[in-house]
């Protein structure tokens, strides 16, 4: 399920990567640990992830403010994982930090919809 819309402004950190063939086993364990750890950061709002069969993956982390991003970026355990990622797990990656100025959400209703155009 996608992360819901929040009241702007807030930040999106977009991490797009292609992993090496060696990125099995311990990468998954480390990734799970990072997902647990980032939830402890005050101002962390959530994360969306998508991966393609060709190996491209996109992770978008949402943070209330730049201080929350900095706290995550400077976390010692996260820094160690980043270093290992560069040496073992990633062929390439990009990181973008963007300020979200507009945010909204949509969810299809699965129940009865009365009124004009409704069925029932």
C-alpha atoms as a PDB file:
ATOM      1  CA  UNK A   1       0.000   0.000   0.000  1.00  0.00           C
ATOM      2  CA  UNK A   2       1.426   3.428  -0.876  1.00  0.00           C
ATOM      3  CA  UNK A   3       2.325   5.902   1.817  1.00  0.00           C
ATOM      4  CA  UNK A   4      -0.568   8.303   2.344  1.00  0.00           C
ATOM      5  CA  UNK A   5      -0.600  11.990   1.528  1.00  0.00           C
ATOM      6  CA  UNK A   6       0.734  14.333   4.208  1.00  0.00           C
ATOM      7  CA  UNK A   7       0.281  18.038   4.683  1.00  0.00           C
ATOM      8  CA  UNK A   8       3.135  19.743   2.787  1.00  0.00           C
ATOM      9  CA  UNK A   9       5.785  20.764   2.968  1.00  0.00           C
ATOM     10  CA  UNK A  10       7.773  17.622   3.661  1.00  0.00           C
ATOM     11  CA  UNK A  11      10.609  15.814   1.901  1.00  0.00           C
ATOM     12  CA  UNK A  12      10.980  12.796  -0.354  1.00  0.00           C
ATOM     13  CA  UNK A  13      14.316  10.995  -0.587  1.00  0.00           C
ATOM     14  CA  UNK A  14      14.401   8.960  -3.813  1.00  0.00           C
ATOM     15  CA  UNK A  15      16.983   6.162  -3.948  1.00  0.00           C
ATOM     16  CA  UNK A  16      17.200   4.416  -7.332  1.00  0.00           C
ATOM     17  CA  UNK A  17      19.619   1.503  -7.639  1.00  0.00           C
ATOM     18  CA  UNK A  18      20.833  -1.490  -9.590  1.00  0.00           C
ATOM     19  CA  UNK A  19      22.284  -4.238  -7.401  1.00  0.00           C
ATOM     20  CA  UNK A  20      25.247  -6.492  -8.082  1.00  0.00           C
ATOM     21  CA  UNK A  21      24.826 -10.252  -8.437  1.00  0.00           C
ATOM     22  CA  UNK A  22      26.468 -10.527  -5.008  1.00  0.00           C
ATOM     23  CA  UNK A  23      23.564  -8.658  -3.389  1.00  0.00           C
ATOM     24  CA  UNK A  24      21.880 -11.731  -1.921  1.00  0.00           C
ATOM     25  CA  UNK A  25      21.538 -13.018   1.615  1.00  0.00           C
ATOM     26  CA  UNK A  26      23.118 -10.397   3.816  1.00  0.00           C
ATOM     27  CA  UNK A  27      21.753  -7.535   1.705  1.00  0.00           C
ATOM     28  CA  UNK A  28      18.207  -8.619   2.537  1.00  0.00           C
ATOM     29  CA  UNK A  29      19.008  -8.847   6.225  1.00  0.00           C
ATOM     30  CA  UNK A  30      20.665  -5.438   6.220  1.00  0.00           C
ATOM     31  CA  UNK A  31      17.800  -3.918   4.242  1.00  0.00           C
ATOM     32  CA  UNK A  32      15.298  -5.246   6.794  1.00  0.00           C
ATOM     33  CA  UNK A  33      17.394  -3.792   9.609  1.00  0.00           C
ATOM     34  CA  UNK A  34      17.529  -0.392   7.882  1.00  0.00           C
ATOM     35  CA  UNK A  35      13.733  -0.430   7.482  1.00  0.00           C
ATOM     36  CA  UNK A  36      13.388  -1.065  11.233  1.00  0.00           C
ATOM     37  CA  UNK A  37      15.997   1.555  12.130  1.00  0.00           C
ATOM     38  CA  UNK A  38      14.609   4.400  10.001  1.00  0.00           C
ATOM     39  CA  UNK A  39      11.237   4.057  11.746  1.00  0.00           C
ATOM     40  CA  UNK A  40      12.947   5.259  14.937  1.00  0.00           C
ATOM     41  CA  UNK A  41      13.843   8.620  13.370  1.00  0.00           C
ATOM     42  CA  UNK A  42      11.544  11.412  14.591  1.00  0.00           C
ATOM     43  CA  UNK A  43       9.982  12.913  11.478  1.00  0.00           C
ATOM     44  CA  UNK A  44      10.079   9.722   9.401  1.00  0.00           C
ATOM     45  CA  UNK A  45       6.735   9.431   7.588  1.00  0.00           C
ATOM     46  CA  UNK A  46       7.007   6.194   5.608  1.00  0.00           C
ATOM     47  CA  UNK A  47       8.498   4.456   2.596  1.00  0.00           C
ATOM     48  CA  UNK A  48       7.415   3.261  -0.848  1.00  0.00           C
ATOM     49  CA  UNK A  49       9.358   0.661  -2.826  1.00  0.00           C
ATOM     50  CA  UNK A  50       9.179  -0.744  -6.361  1.00  0.00           C
ATOM     51  CA  UNK A  51      11.453  -3.150  -8.189  1.00  0.00           C
ATOM     52  CA  UNK A  52      11.641  -4.352 -11.769  1.00  0.00           C
ATOM     53  CA  UNK A  53      12.543  -7.820 -13.086  1.00  0.00           C
ATOM     54  CA  UNK A  54      15.616  -6.235 -14.714  1.00  0.00           C
ATOM     55  CA  UNK A  55      17.055  -5.330 -11.308  1.00  0.00           C
ATOM     56  CA  UNK A  56      16.188  -1.636 -11.080  1.00  0.00           C
ATOM     57  CA  UNK A  57      14.714  -0.671  -7.709  1.00  0.00           C
ATOM     58  CA  UNK A  58      13.307   2.596  -6.441  1.00  0.00           C
ATOM     59  CA  UNK A  59      12.815   3.397  -2.766  1.00  0.00           C
ATOM     60  CA  UNK A  60      11.191   6.655  -1.708  1.00  0.00           C
ATOM     61  CA  UNK A  61      11.474   7.649   1.937  1.00  0.00           C
ATOM     62  CA  UNK A  62       9.309  10.474   3.255  1.00  0.00           C
ATOM     63  CA  UNK A  63      10.474  12.789   6.030  1.00  0.00           C
ATOM     64  CA  UNK A  64       8.796  15.720   7.781  1.00  0.00           C
ATOM     65  CA  UNK A  65      11.873  17.975   7.582  1.00  0.00           C
ATOM     66  CA  UNK A  66      15.527  18.257   6.603  1.00  0.00           C
ATOM     67  CA  UNK A  67      16.624  17.577  10.195  1.00  0.00           C
ATOM     68  CA  UNK A  68      15.018  14.118  10.048  1.00  0.00           C
ATOM     69  CA  UNK A  69      16.847  13.372   6.789  1.00  0.00           C
ATOM     70  CA  UNK A  70      20.139  14.486   8.321  1.00  0.00           C
ATOM     71  CA  UNK A  71      19.582  12.330  11.386  1.00  0.00           C
ATOM     72  CA  UNK A  72      18.985   9.315   9.135  1.00  0.00           C
ATOM     73  CA  UNK A  73      21.927  10.145   6.867  1.00  0.00           C
ATOM     74  CA  UNK A  74      24.302  10.441   9.819  1.00  0.00           C
ATOM     75  CA  UNK A  75      23.093   7.342  11.722  1.00  0.00           C
ATOM     76  CA  UNK A  76      26.211   5.195  12.347  1.00  0.00           C
ATOM     77  CA  UNK A  77      24.571   1.883  11.460  1.00  0.00           C
ATOM     78  CA  UNK A  78      23.098   3.389   8.289  1.00  0.00           C
ATOM     79  CA  UNK A  79      26.511   4.838   7.344  1.00  0.00           C
ATOM     80  CA  UNK A  80      28.092   1.387   7.724  1.00  0.00           C
ATOM     81  CA  UNK A  81      25.392  -0.120   5.477  1.00  0.00           C
ATOM     82  CA  UNK A  82      25.985   2.620   2.893  1.00  0.00           C
ATOM     83  CA  UNK A  83      29.708   1.872   2.839  1.00  0.00           C
ATOM     84  CA  UNK A  84      29.050  -1.834   2.387  1.00  0.00           C
ATOM     85  CA  UNK A  85      26.504  -1.069  -0.331  1.00  0.00           C
ATOM     86  CA  UNK A  86      29.105   0.841  -2.339  1.00  0.00           C
ATOM     87  CA  UNK A  87      31.719  -1.884  -1.923  1.00  0.00           C
ATOM     88  CA  UNK A  88      29.513  -4.962  -2.407  1.00  0.00           C
ATOM     89  CA  UNK A  89      25.831  -4.534  -3.264  1.00  0.00           C
ATOM     90  CA  UNK A  90      25.333  -1.784  -5.833  1.00  0.00           C
ATOM     91  CA  UNK A  91      26.403  -1.522  -9.454  1.00  0.00           C
ATOM     92  CA  UNK A  92      25.073   2.021  -9.444  1.00  0.00           C
ATOM     93  CA  UNK A  93      22.638   4.261  -7.623  1.00  0.00           C
ATOM     94  CA  UNK A  94      21.301   7.789  -7.535  1.00  0.00           C
ATOM     95  CA  UNK A  95      19.869   9.726  -4.635  1.00  0.00           C
ATOM     96  CA  UNK A  96      17.530  12.698  -4.984  1.00  0.00           C
ATOM     97  CA  UNK A  97      16.134  14.813  -2.157  1.00  0.00           C
ATOM     98  CA  UNK A  98      13.019  16.770  -3.064  1.00  0.00           C
ATOM     99  CA  UNK A  99      10.754  19.114  -1.145  1.00  0.00           C
ATOM    100  CA  UNK A 100       7.109  18.079  -1.555  1.00  0.00           C
ATOM    101  CA  UNK A 101       4.915  21.099  -2.123  1.00  0.00           C
ATOM    102  CA  UNK A 102       1.696  19.340  -3.110  1.00  0.00           C
ATOM    103  CA  UNK A 103       0.321  16.008  -1.947  1.00  0.00           C
ATOM    104  CA  UNK A 104      -2.988  14.238  -2.389  1.00  0.00           C
ATOM    105  CA  UNK A 105      -4.300  10.685  -2.461  1.00  0.00           C
ATOM    106  CA  UNK A 106      -7.024   8.628  -4.099  1.00  0.00           C
ATOM    107  CA  UNK A 107      -8.528   5.324  -3.073  1.00  0.00           C
ATOM    108  CA  UNK A 108     -11.227   3.534  -5.033  1.00  0.00           C
ATOM    109  CA  UNK A 109     -14.314   2.775  -2.984  1.00  0.00           C
ATOM    110  CA  UNK A 110     -15.289  -0.890  -3.062  1.00  0.00           C
ATOM    111  CA  UNK A 111     -18.673  -0.449  -1.420  1.00  0.00           C
ATOM    112  CA  UNK A 112     -22.051   0.788  -2.570  1.00  0.00           C
ATOM    113  CA  UNK A 113     -22.007   4.255  -4.093  1.00  0.00           C
ATOM    114  CA  UNK A 114     -25.394   5.910  -4.090  1.00  0.00           C
ATOM    115  CA  UNK A 115     -26.426   9.093  -5.815  1.00  0.00           C
ATOM    116  CA  UNK A 116     -26.031  10.129  -9.449  1.00  0.00           C
ATOM    117  CA  UNK A 117     -24.275   7.456 -11.443  1.00  0.00           C
ATOM    118  CA  UNK A 118     -24.342   5.068  -8.492  1.00  0.00           C
ATOM    119  CA  UNK A 119     -25.562   1.519  -8.823  1.00  0.00           C
ATOM    120  CA  UNK A 120     -27.907  -0.162  -6.503  1.00  0.00           C
END
